[in-house]
Protein backbone atom coordinates (compact mmCIF):
# COMPACT_ATOMS: atom_id res chain seq x y z
CA UNK A 1 -47.64 -12.01 -68.40
CA UNK A 2 -51.16 -11.42 -67.12
CA UNK A 3 -53.28 -14.51 -66.45
CA UNK A 4 -56.60 -14.94 -68.20
CA UNK A 5 -59.64 -13.67 -66.29
CA UNK A 6 -62.06 -15.76 -64.36
CA UNK A 7 -65.58 -15.57 -65.66
CA UNK A 8 -66.62 -13.45 -62.65
CA UNK A 9 -63.59 -11.67 -61.16
CA UNK A 10 -63.80 -10.56 -57.55
CA UNK A 11 -64.64 -6.90 -57.04
CA UNK A 12 -61.50 -6.32 -54.99
CA UNK A 13 -59.13 -8.50 -57.03
CA UNK A 14 -57.28 -5.52 -58.42
CA UNK A 15 -57.27 -3.52 -55.22
CA UNK A 16 -55.67 -6.17 -53.01
CA UNK A 17 -52.64 -7.15 -55.11
CA UNK A 18 -49.60 -8.22 -53.11
CA UNK A 19 -47.21 -8.12 -56.06
CA UNK A 20 -46.79 -5.45 -58.75
CA UNK A 21 -48.72 -5.86 -61.99
CA UNK A 22 -45.95 -6.13 -64.59
CA UNK A 23 -47.12 -5.79 -68.19
CA UNK A 24 -45.23 -7.76 -70.84
CA UNK A 25 -45.72 -6.09 -74.22
CA UNK A 26 -44.78 -9.14 -76.30
CA UNK A 27 -47.12 -11.37 -74.30
CA UNK A 28 -49.97 -8.88 -74.69
CA UNK A 29 -49.52 -8.84 -78.47
CA UNK A 30 -49.61 -12.64 -78.57
CA UNK A 31 -52.85 -12.64 -76.59
CA UNK A 32 -54.41 -10.10 -78.95
CA UNK A 33 -53.54 -12.32 -81.91
CA UNK A 34 -54.61 -15.60 -80.35
CA UNK A 35 -57.71 -14.87 -78.28
CA UNK A 36 -61.32 -14.32 -79.20
CA UNK A 37 -62.77 -11.34 -77.31
CA UNK A 38 -66.30 -10.51 -76.35
CA UNK A 39 -65.49 -6.82 -76.79
CA UNK A 40 -62.62 -4.85 -78.29
CA UNK A 41 -62.43 -1.19 -77.29
CA UNK A 42 -60.58 1.12 -79.67
CA UNK A 43 -59.32 4.29 -77.98
CA UNK A 44 -57.30 4.60 -74.78
CA UNK A 45 -58.68 7.81 -73.34
CA UNK A 46 -60.73 7.95 -70.17
CA UNK A 47 -63.96 6.76 -71.85
CA UNK A 48 -62.32 3.77 -73.48
CA UNK A 49 -60.45 2.98 -70.26
CA UNK A 50 -63.59 2.87 -68.15
CA UNK A 51 -65.41 0.91 -70.86
CA UNK A 52 -62.86 -1.89 -70.81
CA UNK A 53 -62.80 -1.87 -66.99
CA UNK A 54 -66.59 -2.14 -66.83
CA UNK A 55 -66.56 -4.94 -69.38
CA UNK A 56 -63.90 -7.08 -67.71
CA UNK A 57 -65.41 -6.53 -64.26
CA UNK A 58 -68.66 -8.04 -65.59
CA UNK A 59 -66.76 -11.14 -66.71
CA UNK A 60 -66.43 -10.33 -70.41
CA UNK A 61 -63.23 -11.14 -72.30
CA UNK A 62 -62.18 -7.61 -73.08
CA UNK A 63 -59.34 -5.84 -74.87
CA UNK A 64 -58.31 -2.21 -75.31
CA UNK A 65 -56.03 -0.80 -78.00
CA UNK A 66 -54.71 2.75 -78.35
CA UNK A 67 -52.88 4.04 -81.43
CA UNK A 68 -50.49 6.28 -79.49
CA UNK A 69 -50.32 6.22 -75.70
CA UNK A 70 -53.01 5.95 -73.04
CA UNK A 71 -54.51 9.42 -72.47
CA UNK A 72 -52.34 10.94 -75.20
CA UNK A 73 -55.28 12.84 -76.69
CA UNK A 74 -57.92 14.85 -74.88
CA UNK A 75 -57.61 12.85 -71.67
CA UNK A 76 -54.19 14.24 -70.73
CA UNK A 77 -55.02 17.78 -71.82
CA UNK A 78 -58.20 18.48 -69.89
CA UNK A 79 -58.78 21.07 -67.18
CA UNK A 80 -58.02 18.21 -64.74
CA UNK A 81 -61.21 19.00 -62.88
CA UNK A 82 -63.57 16.34 -61.55
CA UNK A 83 -66.62 18.52 -61.18
CA UNK A 84 -70.32 18.97 -61.64
CA UNK A 85 -69.98 22.12 -63.71
CA UNK A 86 -71.51 25.37 -62.48
CA UNK A 87 -71.69 26.50 -66.08
CA UNK A 88 -74.11 23.70 -66.88
CA UNK A 89 -76.55 25.02 -64.23
CA UNK A 90 -76.36 28.39 -65.97
CA UNK A 91 -77.26 26.56 -69.20
CA UNK A 92 -80.21 24.89 -67.47
CA UNK A 93 -78.70 21.38 -67.59
CA UNK A 94 -79.28 20.57 -63.92
CA UNK A 95 -79.60 16.82 -64.55
CA UNK A 96 -76.06 16.70 -65.96
CA UNK A 97 -74.80 18.56 -62.88
CA UNK A 98 -76.64 16.25 -60.48
CA UNK A 99 -75.26 13.15 -62.13
CA UNK A 100 -71.76 14.61 -62.48
CA UNK A 101 -71.63 15.37 -58.77
CA UNK A 102 -72.64 11.80 -57.97
CA UNK A 103 -69.87 10.54 -60.23
CA UNK A 104 -67.43 12.97 -58.61
CA UNK A 105 -68.27 11.36 -55.27
CA UNK A 106 -67.63 7.89 -56.70
CA UNK A 107 -64.28 8.98 -58.11
CA UNK A 108 -63.21 10.33 -54.72
CA UNK A 109 -64.26 7.06 -53.08
CA UNK A 110 -62.71 4.71 -55.66
CA UNK A 111 -59.53 6.72 -56.33
CA UNK A 112 -58.86 8.79 -53.18
CA UNK A 113 -55.14 8.95 -54.00
CA UNK A 114 -55.81 10.60 -57.35
CA UNK A 115 -58.94 12.75 -56.91
CA UNK A 116 -58.60 15.52 -54.32
CA UNK A 117 -60.94 18.19 -52.99
CA UNK A 118 -60.19 21.63 -54.40
CA UNK A 119 -61.61 25.01 -53.26
CA UNK A 120 -62.76 27.42 -55.98
CA UNK A 121 -62.77 31.15 -55.28
CA UNK A 122 -64.86 33.74 -57.11
CA UNK A 123 -63.71 37.24 -56.17
CA UNK A 124 -66.54 39.77 -56.02
CA UNK A 125 -65.29 43.01 -57.54
CA UNK A 126 -66.85 46.42 -57.93
CA UNK A 127 -65.85 46.35 -61.60
CA UNK A 128 -63.83 44.28 -64.08
CA UNK A 129 -64.68 41.04 -62.28
CA UNK A 130 -66.52 37.85 -63.15
CA UNK A 131 -69.46 39.57 -61.49
CA UNK A 132 -70.00 42.56 -59.26
CA UNK A 133 -71.69 42.72 -55.87
CA UNK A 134 -75.10 43.22 -57.50
CA UNK A 135 -74.78 39.97 -59.45
CA UNK A 136 -73.11 38.05 -56.62
CA UNK A 137 -76.41 37.44 -54.83
CA UNK A 138 -77.90 35.81 -57.90
CA UNK A 139 -74.75 33.75 -58.42
CA UNK A 140 -74.94 32.53 -54.85
CA UNK A 141 -78.29 31.07 -55.78
CA UNK A 142 -76.49 28.92 -58.34
CA UNK A 143 -74.08 27.78 -55.64
CA UNK A 144 -76.98 26.78 -53.38
CA UNK A 145 -78.43 24.75 -56.25
CA UNK A 146 -75.01 23.17 -56.80
CA UNK A 147 -74.72 22.19 -53.14
CA UNK A 148 -78.25 20.84 -52.96
CA UNK A 149 -78.08 18.66 -56.08
CA UNK A 150 -74.93 16.91 -54.89
CA UNK A 151 -72.16 19.33 -54.04
CA UNK A 152 -72.72 18.58 -50.35
CA UNK A 153 -71.16 15.12 -50.80
CA UNK A 154 -67.67 16.66 -50.84
CA UNK A 155 -68.06 17.56 -47.16
CA UNK A 156 -68.28 21.34 -47.44
CA UNK A 157 -70.91 23.82 -48.57
CA UNK A 158 -70.11 27.06 -50.36
CA UNK A 159 -69.02 30.01 -48.26
CA UNK A 160 -69.10 33.80 -48.38
CA UNK A 161 -65.67 35.33 -47.80
CA UNK A 162 -64.69 38.75 -46.50
CA UNK A 163 -61.99 40.79 -48.22
CA UNK A 164 -59.30 39.61 -45.73
CA UNK A 165 -60.38 36.01 -46.19
CA UNK A 166 -60.13 36.35 -49.96
CA UNK A 167 -56.67 37.87 -49.72
CA UNK A 168 -55.55 35.10 -47.38
CA UNK A 169 -56.26 32.63 -50.20
CA UNK A 170 -55.01 34.87 -53.01
CA UNK A 171 -52.74 37.62 -51.63
CA UNK A 172 -51.76 38.97 -55.05
CA UNK A 173 -55.32 39.72 -56.15
CA UNK A 174 -55.78 43.39 -56.98
CA UNK A 175 -57.54 44.70 -53.89
CA UNK A 176 -58.71 48.14 -55.00
CA UNK A 177 -62.06 46.88 -56.35
CA UNK A 178 -62.38 43.79 -54.15
CA UNK A 179 -65.64 43.49 -52.20
CA UNK A 180 -65.36 39.92 -50.92
CA UNK A 181 -65.73 36.52 -52.49
CA UNK A 182 -67.60 33.26 -52.82
CA UNK A 183 -65.95 29.87 -52.39
CA UNK A 184 -67.27 26.46 -53.30
CA UNK A 185 -65.65 23.04 -53.55
CA UNK A 186 -64.95 20.61 -56.37
CA UNK A 187 -62.10 18.21 -57.11
CA UNK A 188 -59.08 17.83 -59.36
CA UNK A 189 -56.92 15.00 -60.67
CA UNK A 190 -53.85 14.29 -62.74
CA UNK A 191 -55.90 13.20 -65.74
CA UNK A 192 -53.19 11.15 -67.47
CA UNK A 193 -52.37 9.18 -64.32
CA UNK A 194 -56.06 8.62 -63.63
CA UNK A 195 -56.56 7.11 -67.10
CA UNK A 196 -53.47 4.94 -66.76
CA UNK A 197 -54.70 3.70 -63.38
CA UNK A 198 -58.10 2.78 -64.83
CA UNK A 199 -56.38 0.89 -67.66
CA UNK A 200 -54.08 -0.95 -65.25
CA UNK A 201 -57.02 -1.84 -63.00
CA UNK A 202 -58.70 -3.43 -66.02
CA UNK A 203 -55.48 -5.31 -66.80
CA UNK A 204 -55.32 -6.56 -63.20
CA UNK A 205 -58.79 -8.04 -63.69
CA UNK A 206 -57.70 -9.79 -66.90
CA UNK A 207 -58.25 -7.33 -69.75
CA UNK A 208 -55.66 -7.20 -72.54
CA UNK A 209 -54.47 -3.61 -72.98
CA UNK A 210 -51.93 -2.25 -75.44
CA UNK A 211 -50.75 1.19 -76.48
CA UNK A 212 -48.93 1.91 -79.74
CA UNK A 213 -51.53 -0.28 -81.48
CA UNK A 214 -53.27 1.45 -84.37
CA UNK A 215 -56.51 0.14 -85.90
CA UNK A 216 -55.66 0.26 -89.60
CA UNK A 217 -58.96 -1.31 -90.60
CA UNK A 218 -61.93 -3.27 -89.34
CA UNK A 219 -62.60 -6.97 -89.82
CA UNK A 220 -66.08 -7.92 -90.96
CA UNK A 221 -68.11 -11.09 -91.08
CA UNK A 222 -71.45 -11.30 -92.85
CA UNK A 223 -71.58 -7.52 -93.09
CA UNK A 224 -70.94 -6.96 -89.38
CA UNK A 225 -67.80 -5.64 -87.72
CA UNK A 226 -65.98 -8.57 -86.12
CA UNK A 227 -62.65 -7.14 -85.01
CA UNK A 228 -59.81 -4.94 -86.14
CA UNK A 229 -56.57 -5.21 -88.09
CA UNK A 230 -53.94 -3.53 -85.96
CA UNK A 231 -50.36 -2.44 -86.49
CA UNK A 232 -48.10 -2.51 -83.43
CA UNK A 233 -44.30 -2.29 -83.36
CA UNK A 234 -44.09 -3.18 -87.03
CA UNK A 235 -46.33 -6.23 -86.62
CA UNK A 236 -49.83 -6.69 -88.05
CA UNK A 237 -52.36 -8.33 -85.74
CA UNK A 238 -55.91 -9.38 -86.52
CA UNK A 239 -57.92 -9.04 -83.29
CA UNK A 240 -61.17 -11.01 -83.30
CA UNK A 241 -64.08 -9.68 -81.28
CA UNK A 242 -67.81 -10.21 -81.13
CA UNK A 243 -68.37 -6.48 -80.55
CA UNK A 244 -66.13 -3.52 -81.32
CA UNK A 245 -66.47 -0.19 -79.47
CA UNK A 246 -65.29 3.07 -81.02
CA UNK A 247 -64.11 5.30 -78.15
CA UNK A 248 -61.61 7.36 -80.12
CA UNK A 249 -62.85 10.85 -79.18
CA UNK A 250 -62.03 13.47 -81.81
CA UNK A 251 -60.99 10.64 -84.17
CA UNK A 252 -64.44 9.03 -83.93
CA UNK A 253 -65.59 9.91 -87.44
CA UNK A 254 -62.43 8.43 -88.95
CA UNK A 255 -63.11 4.99 -87.46
CA UNK A 256 -66.86 5.19 -88.04
CA UNK A 257 -66.17 5.80 -91.74
CA UNK A 258 -64.19 2.54 -91.85
CA UNK A 259 -67.26 0.73 -90.54
CA UNK A 260 -69.76 2.51 -92.81
CA UNK A 261 -68.93 4.09 -96.16
CA UNK A 262 -72.01 6.31 -95.83
CA UNK A 263 -71.06 7.73 -92.45
CA UNK A 264 -71.48 11.47 -92.03
CA UNK A 265 -69.22 13.37 -89.60
CA UNK A 266 -70.78 13.94 -86.18
CA UNK A 267 -67.97 15.31 -84.01
CA UNK A 268 -67.28 19.01 -83.65
CA UNK A 269 -63.85 19.53 -82.05
CA UNK A 270 -63.57 22.41 -79.58
CA UNK A 271 -60.10 23.50 -78.59
CA UNK A 272 -59.04 24.28 -75.03
CA UNK A 273 -55.60 25.33 -73.85
CA UNK A 274 -53.72 25.75 -70.57
CA UNK A 275 -50.45 27.42 -69.68
CA UNK A 276 -48.30 26.97 -66.57
CA UNK A 277 -46.42 29.66 -64.63
CA UNK A 278 -44.35 29.46 -61.41
CA UNK A 279 -46.40 29.69 -58.21
CA UNK A 280 -44.32 32.55 -56.80
CA UNK A 281 -45.55 34.73 -59.67
CA UNK A 282 -49.19 34.41 -58.53
CA UNK A 283 -49.12 32.89 -55.00
CA UNK A 284 -52.62 31.49 -54.75
CA UNK A 285 -53.67 28.59 -52.52
CA UNK A 286 -56.82 27.48 -54.36
CA UNK A 287 -58.44 27.87 -57.77
CA UNK A 288 -59.29 31.48 -58.54
CA UNK A 289 -61.74 32.27 -61.31
CA UNK A 290 -60.97 35.45 -63.25
CA UNK A 291 -62.40 37.18 -66.34
CA UNK A 292 -60.59 37.34 -69.66
CA UNK A 293 -61.22 40.74 -71.22
CA UNK A 294 -63.39 40.41 -74.31
CA UNK A 295 -64.14 36.70 -73.77
CA UNK A 296 -67.34 35.00 -72.65
CA UNK A 297 -65.68 32.19 -70.74
CA UNK A 298 -64.07 32.66 -67.34
CA UNK A 299 -60.49 31.54 -66.82
CA UNK A 300 -59.28 29.46 -63.89
CA UNK A 301 -55.95 29.77 -62.09
CA UNK A 302 -55.15 26.62 -60.11
CA UNK A 303 -52.22 25.96 -57.82
CA UNK A 304 -50.46 22.69 -58.61
CA UNK A 305 -47.47 22.27 -56.31
CA UNK A 306 -44.93 24.94 -57.18
CA UNK A 307 -46.85 25.97 -60.29
CA UNK A 308 -50.12 27.60 -61.29
CA UNK A 309 -52.13 26.30 -64.24
CA UNK A 310 -54.08 28.93 -66.21
CA UNK A 311 -56.88 27.91 -68.55
CA UNK A 312 -58.98 27.47 -70.57
CA UNK A 313 -60.31 28.60 -73.93
CA UNK A 314 -63.18 27.10 -75.92
CA UNK A 315 -63.07 27.61 -79.66
CA UNK A 316 -63.88 25.76 -82.87
CA UNK A 317 -60.90 23.88 -84.27
CA UNK A 318 -60.30 23.06 -87.92
CA UNK A 319 -56.71 21.76 -87.93
CA UNK A 320 -55.18 18.29 -87.50
CA UNK A 321 -56.27 16.50 -84.30
CA UNK A 322 -52.75 15.05 -84.13
CA UNK A 323 -51.04 18.44 -83.82
CA UNK A 324 -52.81 20.59 -81.23
CA UNK A 325 -50.90 23.17 -79.21
CA UNK A 326 -51.46 26.42 -77.37
CA UNK A 327 -50.78 29.33 -79.73
CA UNK A 328 -49.25 32.71 -79.01
CA UNK A 329 -52.64 34.38 -79.30
CA UNK A 330 -54.24 31.96 -76.84
CA UNK A 331 -51.37 32.35 -74.38
CA UNK A 332 -51.68 36.13 -74.58
CA UNK A 333 -55.42 35.93 -73.81
CA UNK A 334 -54.75 33.88 -70.66
CA UNK A 335 -51.90 36.10 -69.53
CA UNK A 336 -54.04 39.18 -70.06
CA UNK A 337 -56.78 37.71 -67.87
CA UNK A 338 -54.31 36.88 -65.10
CA UNK A 339 -52.66 40.29 -65.31
CA UNK A 340 -56.05 42.00 -65.07
CA UNK A 341 -56.84 40.12 -61.85
CA UNK A 342 -53.46 39.88 -60.12
CA UNK A 343 -50.74 42.31 -59.17
CA UNK A 344 -47.40 41.98 -60.88
CA UNK A 345 -46.90 41.29 -64.56
CA UNK A 346 -46.84 37.83 -66.13
CA UNK A 347 -45.03 37.68 -69.46
CA UNK A 348 -44.47 34.91 -72.03
CA UNK A 349 -41.04 34.33 -70.46
CA UNK A 350 -42.82 33.16 -67.29
CA UNK A 351 -44.62 30.32 -69.08
CA UNK A 352 -42.88 27.04 -68.21
CA UNK A 353 -45.28 24.71 -70.02
CA UNK A 354 -48.49 24.49 -72.04
CA UNK A 355 -51.02 22.05 -73.43
CA UNK A 356 -53.67 22.22 -76.12
CA UNK A 357 -56.45 19.67 -76.43
CA UNK A 358 -59.73 19.02 -78.23
CA UNK A 359 -63.13 18.27 -76.75
CA UNK A 360 -65.11 15.82 -78.94
CA UNK A 361 -68.44 17.65 -78.84
CA UNK A 362 -71.46 16.22 -80.63
CA UNK A 363 -74.33 18.21 -82.05
CA UNK A 364 -74.92 20.96 -84.53
CA UNK A 365 -72.36 23.02 -86.37
CA UNK A 366 -73.95 26.35 -85.50
CA UNK A 367 -73.36 28.52 -82.44
CA UNK A 368 -70.42 28.86 -80.09
CA UNK A 369 -68.80 25.69 -78.75
CA UNK A 370 -68.92 27.26 -75.29
CA UNK A 371 -72.72 27.04 -75.38
CA UNK A 372 -72.88 23.43 -76.57
CA UNK A 373 -74.04 20.78 -74.13
CA UNK A 374 -71.49 18.26 -72.81
CA UNK A 375 -73.82 15.25 -72.89
CA UNK A 376 -72.50 12.00 -74.35
CA UNK A 377 -73.94 10.02 -77.24
CA UNK A 378 -73.89 6.24 -77.73
CA UNK A 379 -75.00 4.70 -81.03
CA UNK A 380 -74.92 1.33 -82.76
CA UNK A 381 -74.04 1.57 -86.44
CA UNK A 382 -75.56 -0.48 -89.24
CA UNK A 383 -72.52 -2.80 -89.17
CA UNK A 384 -72.87 -3.37 -85.44
CA UNK A 385 -70.08 -1.19 -84.09
CA UNK A 386 -70.87 0.69 -80.89
CA UNK A 387 -69.71 4.33 -80.92
CA UNK A 388 -69.45 6.60 -77.90
CA UNK A 389 -68.46 10.25 -77.93
CA UNK A 390 -69.06 13.49 -76.08
CA UNK A 391 -69.36 13.61 -72.32
CA UNK A 392 -66.60 14.63 -69.94
CA UNK A 393 -63.98 13.14 -67.63
CA UNK A 394 -66.21 13.29 -64.55
CA UNK A 395 -68.91 11.10 -66.11
CA UNK A 396 -66.54 8.63 -67.80
CA UNK A 397 -67.35 5.76 -65.43
CA UNK A 398 -71.06 6.05 -66.16
CA UNK A 399 -70.39 6.36 -69.89
CA UNK A 400 -68.40 3.13 -69.76
CA UNK A 401 -71.29 1.47 -67.93
CA UNK A 402 -73.81 2.56 -70.55
CA UNK A 403 -71.56 1.45 -73.41
CA UNK A 404 -71.17 -2.01 -71.91
CA UNK A 405 -74.94 -2.20 -71.39
CA UNK A 406 -75.20 -1.85 -75.20
CA UNK A 407 -72.48 -4.46 -75.67
CA UNK A 408 -74.28 -6.91 -73.37
CA UNK A 409 -77.46 -6.47 -75.38
CA UNK A 410 -75.60 -7.24 -78.62
CA UNK A 411 -74.01 -10.31 -77.01
CA UNK A 412 -77.31 -11.50 -75.60
CA UNK A 413 -75.80 -11.47 -72.11
CA UNK A 414 -77.07 -10.16 -68.79
CA UNK A 415 -75.17 -8.59 -65.94
CA UNK A 416 -75.10 -5.24 -64.16
CA UNK A 417 -72.19 -2.85 -63.94
CA UNK A 418 -69.87 -3.41 -61.00
CA UNK A 419 -67.75 -0.25 -61.20
CA UNK A 420 -69.75 2.10 -58.96
CA UNK A 421 -67.85 0.89 -55.91
CA UNK A 422 -64.84 -0.74 -57.55
CA UNK A 423 -61.59 0.73 -56.19
CA UNK A 424 -58.92 1.62 -58.72
CA UNK A 425 -55.42 0.26 -58.19
CA UNK A 426 -53.88 1.97 -55.18
CA UNK A 427 -57.20 3.23 -53.86
CA UNK A 428 -58.30 0.53 -51.42
CA UNK A 429 -57.01 1.22 -47.93
CA UNK A 430 -55.41 4.54 -48.90
CA UNK A 431 -55.00 6.93 -45.95
CA UNK A 432 -54.53 10.46 -47.27
CA UNK A 433 -53.70 11.93 -43.85
CA UNK A 434 -51.01 9.35 -43.14
CA UNK A 435 -49.50 9.85 -46.59
CA UNK A 436 -49.42 13.63 -46.20
CA UNK A 437 -47.80 13.29 -42.79
CA UNK A 438 -45.08 11.00 -44.13
CA UNK A 439 -43.55 13.80 -46.22
CA UNK A 440 -40.73 13.56 -48.75
CA UNK A 441 -40.56 10.80 -51.34
CA UNK A 442 -43.11 8.68 -49.48
CA UNK A 443 -45.77 11.39 -49.72
CA UNK A 444 -44.94 12.10 -53.35
CA UNK A 445 -45.25 8.43 -54.33
CA UNK A 446 -48.37 7.93 -52.22
CA UNK A 447 -50.21 10.75 -53.96
CA UNK A 448 -49.38 9.25 -57.37
CA UNK A 449 -49.63 5.49 -56.77
CA UNK A 450 -51.71 5.17 -53.60
CA UNK A 451 -51.07 1.91 -51.78
CA UNK A 452 -49.15 0.67 -54.84
CA UNK A 453 -46.41 3.15 -53.93
CA UNK A 454 -44.78 0.33 -51.98
CA UNK A 455 -43.81 -1.33 -55.25
CA UNK A 456 -41.93 1.78 -56.38
CA UNK A 457 -40.46 2.06 -52.90
CA UNK A 458 -39.16 -1.51 -53.23
CA UNK A 459 -37.16 -0.46 -56.29
CA UNK A 460 -35.54 2.34 -54.27
CA UNK A 461 -34.80 -0.02 -51.38
CA UNK A 462 -33.03 -2.39 -53.77
CA UNK A 463 -31.13 0.46 -55.47
CA UNK A 464 -31.01 3.71 -53.45
CA UNK A 465 -29.70 5.62 -56.49
CA UNK A 466 -33.20 5.33 -57.96
CA UNK A 467 -34.41 7.84 -55.35
CA UNK A 468 -32.61 10.58 -57.26
CA UNK A 469 -34.85 13.05 -59.14
CA UNK A 470 -34.98 12.54 -62.89
CA UNK A 471 -35.92 16.17 -63.68
CA UNK A 472 -34.28 19.08 -61.90
CA UNK A 473 -36.77 20.95 -59.72
CA UNK A 474 -39.46 18.25 -59.81
CA UNK A 475 -40.06 15.37 -57.36
CA UNK A 476 -40.23 12.55 -59.93
CA UNK A 477 -37.64 9.84 -59.23
CA UNK A 478 -35.62 7.50 -61.41
CA UNK A 479 -37.53 4.64 -59.80
CA UNK A 480 -40.72 5.94 -61.38
CA UNK A 481 -39.12 5.71 -64.82
CA UNK A 482 -38.12 2.10 -64.15
CA UNK A 483 -41.64 1.34 -62.92
CA UNK A 484 -43.15 3.05 -65.96
CA UNK A 485 -41.19 0.73 -68.24
CA UNK A 486 -41.91 -2.45 -66.29
CA UNK A 487 -45.48 -1.92 -65.15
CA UNK A 488 -47.04 0.94 -67.14
CA UNK A 489 -46.22 0.09 -70.79
CA UNK A 490 -44.12 3.24 -71.28
CA UNK A 491 -42.32 2.88 -74.62
CA UNK A 492 -40.70 6.25 -75.18
CA UNK A 493 -39.19 9.32 -73.58
CA UNK A 494 -42.41 11.16 -74.46
CA UNK A 495 -44.54 8.56 -72.67
CA UNK A 496 -42.52 9.12 -69.49
CA UNK A 497 -41.98 12.88 -69.48
CA UNK A 498 -45.38 13.89 -70.87
CA UNK A 499 -47.81 11.43 -69.23
CA UNK A 500 -46.25 8.95 -66.73
CA UNK A 501 -44.89 12.11 -65.16
CA UNK A 502 -46.05 15.63 -66.02
CA UNK A 503 -42.55 17.04 -66.37
CA UNK A 504 -43.20 18.46 -69.84
CA UNK A 505 -46.17 20.44 -68.56
CA UNK A 506 -44.66 21.72 -65.32
CA UNK A 507 -41.01 22.19 -66.36
CA UNK A 508 -40.71 21.91 -70.13
CA UNK A 509 -37.08 23.05 -70.44
CA UNK A 510 -35.88 20.98 -67.49
CA UNK A 511 -37.59 17.94 -69.01
CA UNK A 512 -35.54 18.45 -72.17
CA UNK A 513 -32.37 18.28 -70.09
CA UNK A 514 -33.59 14.97 -68.61
CA UNK A 515 -34.49 13.30 -71.91
CA UNK A 516 -31.19 11.47 -72.37
CA UNK A 517 -31.26 10.06 -68.83
CA UNK A 518 -34.84 8.84 -69.33
CA UNK A 519 -33.87 7.31 -72.66
CA UNK A 520 -30.96 5.47 -71.02
CA UNK A 521 -33.23 3.92 -68.37
CA UNK A 522 -35.80 2.88 -70.97
CA UNK A 523 -33.06 1.41 -73.13
CA UNK A 524 -31.87 -0.76 -70.28
CA UNK A 525 -35.35 -1.81 -69.14
CA UNK A 526 -36.80 -2.47 -72.60
CA UNK A 527 -33.64 -3.83 -74.27
CA UNK A 528 -33.63 -1.04 -76.84
CA UNK A 529 -30.76 -0.55 -79.23
CA UNK A 530 -28.64 2.59 -79.05
CA UNK A 531 -30.30 3.77 -82.26
CA UNK A 532 -33.78 3.27 -80.80
CA UNK A 533 -32.86 5.22 -77.67
CA UNK A 534 -31.38 8.05 -79.73
CA UNK A 535 -34.51 8.18 -81.89
CA UNK A 536 -36.79 8.33 -78.84
CA UNK A 537 -34.77 11.18 -77.34
CA UNK A 538 -34.63 13.05 -80.66
CA UNK A 539 -38.38 12.71 -81.20
CA UNK A 540 -39.06 14.17 -77.77
CA UNK A 541 -36.72 17.10 -78.30
CA UNK A 542 -38.29 17.81 -81.69
CA UNK A 543 -41.80 17.69 -80.22
CA UNK A 544 -40.89 20.19 -77.52
CA UNK A 545 -39.21 22.51 -80.03
CA UNK A 546 -42.36 22.45 -82.16
CA UNK A 547 -44.57 23.14 -79.14
CA UNK A 548 -42.43 26.14 -78.18
CA UNK A 549 -42.38 27.48 -81.73
CA UNK A 550 -46.18 27.48 -81.84
CA UNK A 551 -46.42 29.07 -78.40
CA UNK A 552 -43.73 31.72 -78.58
CA UNK A 553 -43.32 32.46 -82.27
CA UNK A 554 -46.93 32.29 -83.38
CA UNK A 555 -46.35 29.45 -85.83
CA UNK A 556 -49.43 27.69 -87.15
CA UNK A 557 -50.54 24.69 -85.13
């Protein structure tokens, strides 16, 4: 069980833990029922996660609930880029870029084990490229602006590349029209693990966090929202809070309507998808930006270990936010773009995984979603609930800060944000060079858990069989499944294979073969019945079958 927070927790309290933070689900539910909170955050994506971390680090009694799993919505299905956004300069939104690049720098400082520098390559082609040599000079002007407003903080400025230098990074690029290239630098992260780490950092500072906890309704007192009625594991819990924050992303309007019968929808979902193919089919060593014939948005091809992630699209979405997948048409668009740029021939049979997610854009209903601004919006409703939506992963820390500023005003409290330099769990003292040099399991765990990798390593030392891989062809170990159950509130096979690891994304079919073994470990760790384990395995297998049917057979999402 987690101890209650001090009024003013130390900045480094989470970063310097000597024992693993073990989260007891039953104890967390009791705390939610018994305690009175200053702020209750509804929504366990990256915005909600950083909001609860900001709140608890200021000394507020804070809680976070998520109806499904942490990062199970948009925040595990993003482009996984921590970036300023060149496209926003093209749209004239330089202030967003400047601030995003500052926040990128803070992410790399506070979570160096999770946010890594990534080179981006723009091939300059005579024809059929993102731009030709004539336009490249103008585009380089954008790169200079990018560097000057904050890109320089990553330690490298953009570069011009010769044809041989381009082919050294991307040897399968079609060379007949190649005239050189431009390279600049941003960062990437495993978005689901980043969100989980933010949530766990908040828990280490005393926040109460719980997944699988759905807000069925809102509590009110004297016409003002005063908490939420939550269902979790078959139990109903009334959580009392002085302020409630709606950070539910594409589900924002649904919760706002529970607070205000006169609420009008504000969120416009925009769908983005990614597919994954084996690295040997493309053989790139960075992110390569390529055109998609007939589409306004450029596609990115990013190496991720032994895979390459291709994405993304940007389209209006009218379906259920609970059932979003990459369709056959969207996959074909991405494959066509890759096949236009690279030698060889990618086919649907090469796709080993896919994701589809929704961006919770705010603004008008007219025009293309691609052209809509990615600014956030924070409002206080007539019943006192604070709602935040919009924005992007890179600016989530600042969004959380601004939300808690509103909360502090409603509470009549004072206190500045403390998250600008607050290390996330595993980040303090992390040495990336030493981890990379260690190789093997140690390097794998270090790049996922940072300095907290020692706690997973302890499990392996106690039981060497836990060093065995859980999914064929991927580095994830059985120890990580045990740790997910004990320390990361994993409840199901899907939690483990889709988000605690990314096995479903990077090796969908192999993850299916591992489902029973994952279920067995969870059953032992969580004292599940045989029927509960079988149900968890069956639900995962059914979810993967549905995903594949949408992707390969063109079924409706």
